[in-house]
Amino acid sequence: MITKAQLLESIDDLPEEFEREEVIERLLIIDKYNKGIQQIKEGKTIPVDQFKKEFEAWRQSR
């Protein structure tokens, strides 16, 4: 979820003229960032070593 303050700050940072895709991209980035922070708070993370093992296994399976 994105806060109104985050939305307004993102809009304020835009130039006077911009493409709507740029706004959408910024909102998606903010949303993904917020979701990541929430996952960290909820302990929904894995150690780096585990990630590396899982990533390597996935890469080799392709």
PDB file of N, CA and C in Angstrom:
ATOM      1  N   MET A   1       0.838  -1.174   0.000  1.00  0.00           N
ATOM      2  CA  MET A   1       0.000   0.000   0.000  1.00  0.00           C
ATOM      3  C   MET A   1       0.888   1.244   0.000  1.00  0.00           C
ATOM      4  N   ILE A   2       0.431   2.256  -0.670  1.00  0.00           N
ATOM      5  CA  ILE A   2       1.169   3.515  -0.788  1.00  0.00           C
ATOM      6  C   ILE A   2       0.440   4.582   0.028  1.00  0.00           C
ATOM      7  N   THR A   3       1.197   5.367   0.763  1.00  0.00           N
ATOM      8  CA  THR A   3       0.568   6.437   1.530  1.00  0.00           C
ATOM      9  C   THR A   3       0.347   7.660   0.639  1.00  0.00           C
ATOM     10  N   LYS A   4      -0.562   8.490   1.064  1.00  0.00           N
ATOM     11  CA  LYS A   4      -0.827   9.728   0.327  1.00  0.00           C
ATOM     12  C   LYS A   4       0.429  10.594   0.281  1.00  0.00           C
ATOM     13  N   ALA A   5       1.167  10.623   1.389  1.00  0.00           N
ATOM     14  CA  ALA A   5       2.398  11.418   1.441  1.00  0.00           C
ATOM     15  C   ALA A   5       3.412  10.920   0.415  1.00  0.00           C
ATOM     16  N   GLN A   6       3.544   9.589   0.283  1.00  0.00           N
ATOM     17  CA  GLN A   6       4.469   9.037  -0.706  1.00  0.00           C
ATOM     18  C   GLN A   6       4.026   9.404  -2.121  1.00  0.00           C
ATOM     19  N   LEU A   7       2.743   9.330  -2.375  1.00  0.00           N
ATOM     20  CA  LEU A   7       2.212   9.683  -3.690  1.00  0.00           C
ATOM     21  C   LEU A   7       2.481  11.148  -4.009  1.00  0.00           C
ATOM     22  N   LEU A   8       2.178  12.027  -3.062  1.00  0.00           N
ATOM     23  CA  LEU A   8       2.379  13.457  -3.292  1.00  0.00           C
ATOM     24  C   LEU A   8       3.853  13.790  -3.486  1.00  0.00           C
ATOM     25  N   GLU A   9       4.720  13.157  -2.705  1.00  0.00           N
ATOM     26  CA  GLU A   9       6.160  13.400  -2.850  1.00  0.00           C
ATOM     27  C   GLU A   9       6.640  12.953  -4.225  1.00  0.00           C
ATOM     28  N   SER A  10       6.150  11.815  -4.666  1.00  0.00           N
ATOM     29  CA  SER A  10       6.538  11.304  -5.980  1.00  0.00           C
ATOM     30  C   SER A  10       6.066  12.243  -7.086  1.00  0.00           C
ATOM     31  N   ILE A  11       4.867  12.754  -6.964  1.00  0.00           N
ATOM     32  CA  ILE A  11       4.332  13.682  -7.966  1.00  0.00           C
ATOM     33  C   ILE A  11       5.110  14.992  -7.947  1.00  0.00           C
ATOM     34  N   ASP A  12       5.448  15.478  -6.750  1.00  0.00           N
ATOM     35  CA  ASP A  12       6.208  16.730  -6.643  1.00  0.00           C
ATOM     36  C   ASP A  12       7.578  16.629  -7.304  1.00  0.00           C
ATOM     37  N   ASP A  13       8.152  15.428  -7.336  1.00  0.00           N
ATOM     38  CA  ASP A  13       9.479  15.227  -7.929  1.00  0.00           C
ATOM     39  C   ASP A  13       9.449  15.163  -9.455  1.00  0.00           C
ATOM     40  N   LEU A  14       8.276  15.079 -10.035  1.00  0.00           N
ATOM     41  CA  LEU A  14       8.170  14.973 -11.493  1.00  0.00           C
ATOM     42  C   LEU A  14       8.389  16.332 -12.157  1.00  0.00           C
ATOM     43  N   PRO A  15       8.863  16.314 -13.394  1.00  0.00           N
ATOM     44  CA  PRO A  15       8.962  17.570 -14.141  1.00  0.00           C
ATOM     45  C   PRO A  15       7.560  18.071 -14.492  1.00  0.00           C
ATOM     46  N   GLU A  16       7.466  19.263 -15.027  1.00  0.00           N
ATOM     47  CA  GLU A  16       6.164  19.835 -15.371  1.00  0.00           C
ATOM     48  C   GLU A  16       5.405  18.986 -16.391  1.00  0.00           C
ATOM     49  N   GLU A  17       6.137  18.395 -17.324  1.00  0.00           N
ATOM     50  CA  GLU A  17       5.516  17.512 -18.314  1.00  0.00           C
ATOM     51  C   GLU A  17       6.142  16.134 -18.192  1.00  0.00           C
ATOM     52  N   PHE A  18       5.296  15.105 -18.213  1.00  0.00           N
ATOM     53  CA  PHE A  18       5.792  13.739 -18.061  1.00  0.00           C
ATOM     54  C   PHE A  18       4.795  12.766 -18.677  1.00  0.00           C
ATOM     55  N   GLU A  19       5.289  11.572 -18.912  1.00  0.00           N
ATOM     56  CA  GLU A  19       4.444  10.508 -19.450  1.00  0.00           C
ATOM     57  C   GLU A  19       3.743   9.801 -18.291  1.00  0.00           C
ATOM     58  N   ARG A  20       2.527   9.352 -18.507  1.00  0.00           N
ATOM     59  CA  ARG A  20       1.795   8.674 -17.439  1.00  0.00           C
ATOM     60  C   ARG A  20       2.494   7.382 -17.016  1.00  0.00           C
ATOM     61  N   GLU A  21       3.232   6.776 -17.949  1.00  0.00           N
ATOM     62  CA  GLU A  21       3.962   5.555 -17.621  1.00  0.00           C
ATOM     63  C   GLU A  21       5.000   5.805 -16.525  1.00  0.00           C
ATOM     64  N   GLU A  22       5.556   7.017 -16.510  1.00  0.00           N
ATOM     65  CA  GLU A  22       6.545   7.355 -15.485  1.00  0.00           C
ATOM     66  C   GLU A  22       5.902   7.366 -14.098  1.00  0.00           C
ATOM     67  N   VAL A  23       4.682   7.874 -14.010  1.00  0.00           N
ATOM     68  CA  VAL A  23       3.968   7.884 -12.731  1.00  0.00           C
ATOM     69  C   VAL A  23       3.674   6.452 -12.294  1.00  0.00           C
ATOM     70  N   ILE A  24       3.204   5.651 -13.228  1.00  0.00           N
ATOM     71  CA  ILE A  24       2.889   4.257 -12.916  1.00  0.00           C
ATOM     72  C   ILE A  24       4.142   3.531 -12.438  1.00  0.00           C
ATOM     73  N   GLU A  25       5.256   3.743 -13.130  1.00  0.00           N
ATOM     74  CA  GLU A  25       6.517   3.104 -12.749  1.00  0.00           C
ATOM     75  C   GLU A  25       6.935   3.520 -11.342  1.00  0.00           C
ATOM     76  N   ARG A  26       6.832   4.785 -11.040  1.00  0.00           N
ATOM     77  CA  ARG A  26       7.203   5.267  -9.702  1.00  0.00           C
ATOM     78  C   ARG A  26       6.315   4.644  -8.633  1.00  0.00           C
ATOM     79  N   LEU A  27       5.015   4.568  -8.913  1.00  0.00           N
ATOM     80  CA  LEU A  27       4.093   3.987  -7.941  1.00  0.00           C
ATOM     81  C   LEU A  27       4.387   2.508  -7.712  1.00  0.00           C
ATOM     82  N   LEU A  28       4.721   1.799  -8.771  1.00  0.00           N
ATOM     83  CA  LEU A  28       5.061   0.382  -8.632  1.00  0.00           C
ATOM     84  C   LEU A  28       6.327   0.201  -7.801  1.00  0.00           C
ATOM     85  N   ILE A  29       7.309   1.051  -8.022  1.00  0.00           N
ATOM     86  CA  ILE A  29       8.557   0.970  -7.248  1.00  0.00           C
ATOM     87  C   ILE A  29       8.285   1.241  -5.770  1.00  0.00           C
ATOM     88  N   ILE A  30       7.505   2.264  -5.477  1.00  0.00           N
ATOM     89  CA  ILE A  30       7.171   2.585  -4.084  1.00  0.00           C
ATOM     90  C   ILE A  30       6.426   1.418  -3.446  1.00  0.00           C
ATOM     91  N   ASP A  31       5.474   0.846  -4.176  1.00  0.00           N
ATOM     92  CA  ASP A  31       4.696  -0.271  -3.653  1.00  0.00           C
ATOM     93  C   ASP A  31       5.587  -1.478  -3.364  1.00  0.00           C
ATOM     94  N   LYS A  32       6.487  -1.798  -4.280  1.00  0.00           N
ATOM     95  CA  LYS A  32       7.388  -2.938  -4.074  1.00  0.00           C
ATOM     96  C   LYS A  32       8.317  -2.681  -2.890  1.00  0.00           C
ATOM     97  N   TYR A  33       8.787  -1.464  -2.756  1.00  0.00           N
ATOM     98  CA  TYR A  33       9.640  -1.099  -1.621  1.00  0.00           C
ATOM     99  C   TYR A  33       8.874  -1.299  -0.309  1.00  0.00           C
ATOM    100  N   ASN A  34       7.653  -0.782  -0.260  1.00  0.00           N
ATOM    101  CA  ASN A  34       6.843  -0.912   0.950  1.00  0.00           C
ATOM    102  C   ASN A  34       6.567  -2.378   1.285  1.00  0.00           C
ATOM    103  N   LYS A  35       6.289  -3.186   0.272  1.00  0.00           N
ATOM    104  CA  LYS A  35       6.053  -4.613   0.507  1.00  0.00           C
ATOM    105  C   LYS A  35       7.309  -5.282   1.059  1.00  0.00           C
ATOM    106  N   GLY A  36       8.463  -4.919   0.533  1.00  0.00           N
ATOM    107  CA  GLY A  36       9.719  -5.474   1.023  1.00  0.00           C
ATOM    108  C   GLY A  36       9.974  -5.107   2.474  1.00  0.00           C
ATOM    109  N   ILE A  37       9.728  -3.864   2.822  1.00  0.00           N
ATOM    110  CA  ILE A  37       9.900  -3.419   4.212  1.00  0.00           C
ATOM    111  C   ILE A  37       8.951  -4.187   5.127  1.00  0.00           C
ATOM    112  N   GLN A  38       7.713  -4.375   4.685  1.00  0.00           N
ATOM    113  CA  GLN A  38       6.736  -5.118   5.482  1.00  0.00           C
ATOM    114  C   GLN A  38       7.177  -6.571   5.672  1.00  0.00           C
ATOM    115  N   GLN A  39       7.713  -7.183   4.618  1.00  0.00           N
ATOM    116  CA  GLN A  39       8.191  -8.563   4.723  1.00  0.00           C
ATOM    117  C   GLN A  39       9.345  -8.665   5.717  1.00  0.00           C
ATOM    118  N   ILE A  40      10.219  -7.678   5.721  1.00  0.00           N
ATOM    119  CA  ILE A  40      11.324  -7.661   6.688  1.00  0.00           C
ATOM    120  C   ILE A  40      10.766  -7.584   8.104  1.00  0.00           C
ATOM    121  N   LYS A  41       9.802  -6.695   8.330  1.00  0.00           N
ATOM    122  CA  LYS A  41       9.206  -6.540   9.661  1.00  0.00           C
ATOM    123  C   LYS A  41       8.529  -7.822  10.125  1.00  0.00           C
ATOM    124  N   GLU A  42       7.943  -8.569   9.180  1.00  0.00           N
ATOM    125  CA  GLU A  42       7.230  -9.804   9.514  1.00  0.00           C
ATOM    126  C   GLU A  42       8.160 -11.015   9.562  1.00  0.00           C
ATOM    127  N   GLY A  43       9.442 -10.801   9.323  1.00  0.00           N
ATOM    128  CA  GLY A  43      10.401 -11.895   9.363  1.00  0.00           C
ATOM    129  C   GLY A  43      10.310 -12.829   8.171  1.00  0.00           C
ATOM    130  N   LYS A  44       9.754 -12.358   7.084  1.00  0.00           N
ATOM    131  CA  LYS A  44       9.589 -13.177   5.879  1.00  0.00           C
ATOM    132  C   LYS A  44      10.796 -13.019   4.958  1.00  0.00           C
ATOM    133  N   THR A  45      11.956 -13.277   5.507  1.00  0.00           N
ATOM    134  CA  THR A  45      13.188 -13.180   4.733  1.00  0.00           C
ATOM    135  C   THR A  45      13.966 -14.478   4.890  1.00  0.00           C
ATOM    136  N   ILE A  46      14.958 -14.667   4.037  1.00  0.00           N
ATOM    137  CA  ILE A  46      15.824 -15.839   4.155  1.00  0.00           C
ATOM    138  C   ILE A  46      17.269 -15.356   4.195  1.00  0.00           C
ATOM    139  N   PRO A  47      18.141 -16.141   4.823  1.00  0.00           N
ATOM    140  CA  PRO A  47      19.559 -15.760   4.862  1.00  0.00           C
ATOM    141  C   PRO A  47      20.158 -15.737   3.454  1.00  0.00           C
ATOM    142  N   VAL A  48      21.169 -14.927   3.263  1.00  0.00           N
ATOM    143  CA  VAL A  48      21.815 -14.779   1.955  1.00  0.00           C
ATOM    144  C   VAL A  48      22.346 -16.114   1.451  1.00  0.00           C
ATOM    145  N   ASP A  49      22.953 -16.902   2.330  1.00  0.00           N
ATOM    146  CA  ASP A  49      23.495 -18.205   1.914  1.00  0.00           C
ATOM    147  C   ASP A  49      22.397 -19.112   1.362  1.00  0.00           C
ATOM    148  N   GLN A  50      21.245 -19.112   2.018  1.00  0.00           N
ATOM    149  CA  GLN A  50      20.124 -19.926   1.543  1.00  0.00           C
ATOM    150  C   GLN A  50      19.640 -19.427   0.183  1.00  0.00           C
ATOM    151  N   PHE A  51      19.555 -18.109   0.036  1.00  0.00           N
ATOM    152  CA  PHE A  51      19.146 -17.541  -1.246  1.00  0.00           C
ATOM    153  C   PHE A  51      20.099 -17.963  -2.355  1.00  0.00           C
ATOM    154  N   LYS A  52      21.397 -17.883  -2.083  1.00  0.00           N
ATOM    155  CA  LYS A  52      22.394 -18.248  -3.098  1.00  0.00           C
ATOM    156  C   LYS A  52      22.231 -19.704  -3.524  1.00  0.00           C
ATOM    157  N   LYS A  53      22.004 -20.600  -2.558  1.00  0.00           N
ATOM    158  CA  LYS A  53      21.813 -22.014  -2.880  1.00  0.00           C
ATOM    159  C   LYS A  53      20.557 -22.215  -3.725  1.00  0.00           C
ATOM    160  N   GLU A  54      19.461 -21.585  -3.317  1.00  0.00           N
ATOM    161  CA  GLU A  54      18.205 -21.729  -4.055  1.00  0.00           C
ATOM    162  C   GLU A  54      18.316 -21.124  -5.450  1.00  0.00           C
ATOM    163  N   PHE A  55      18.978 -19.998  -5.556  1.00  0.00           N
ATOM    164  CA  PHE A  55      19.138 -19.351  -6.854  1.00  0.00           C
ATOM    165  C   PHE A  55      19.983 -20.215  -7.781  1.00  0.00           C
ATOM    166  N   GLU A  56      21.059 -20.762  -7.262  1.00  0.00           N
ATOM    167  CA  GLU A  56      21.933 -21.609  -8.073  1.00  0.00           C
ATOM    168  C   GLU A  56      21.190 -22.862  -8.532  1.00  0.00           C
ATOM    169  N   ALA A  57      20.407 -23.463  -7.651  1.00  0.00           N
ATOM    170  CA  ALA A  57      19.617 -24.640  -8.028  1.00  0.00           C
ATOM    171  C   ALA A  57      18.605 -24.279  -9.110  1.00  0.00           C
ATOM    172  N   TRP A  58      17.965 -23.131  -8.963  1.00  0.00           N
ATOM    173  CA  TRP A  58      17.000 -22.680  -9.972  1.00  0.00           C
ATOM    174  C   TRP A  58      17.697 -22.436 -11.307  1.00  0.00           C
ATOM    175  N   ARG A  59      18.850 -21.795 -11.249  1.00  0.00           N
ATOM    176  CA  ARG A  59      19.589 -21.462 -12.471  1.00  0.00           C
ATOM    177  C   ARG A  59      20.016 -22.729 -13.209  1.00  0.00           C
ATOM    178  N   GLN A  60      20.447 -23.723 -12.480  1.00  0.00           N
ATOM    179  CA  GLN A  60      20.895 -24.965 -13.108  1.00  0.00           C
ATOM    180  C   GLN A  60      19.732 -25.785 -13.663  1.00  0.00           C
ATOM    181  N   SER A  61      18.544 -25.564 -13.127  1.00  0.00           N
ATOM    182  CA  SER A  61      17.376 -26.318 -13.599  1.00  0.00           C
ATOM    183  C   SER A  61      16.804 -25.760 -14.899  1.00  0.00           C
ATOM    184  N   ARG A  62      17.301 -24.632 -15.320  1.00  0.00           N
ATOM    185  CA  ARG A  62      16.759 -23.996 -16.530  1.00  0.00           C
ATOM    186  C   ARG A  62      17.423 -24.502 -17.745  1.00  0.00           C
TER     187      ARG A  62
END
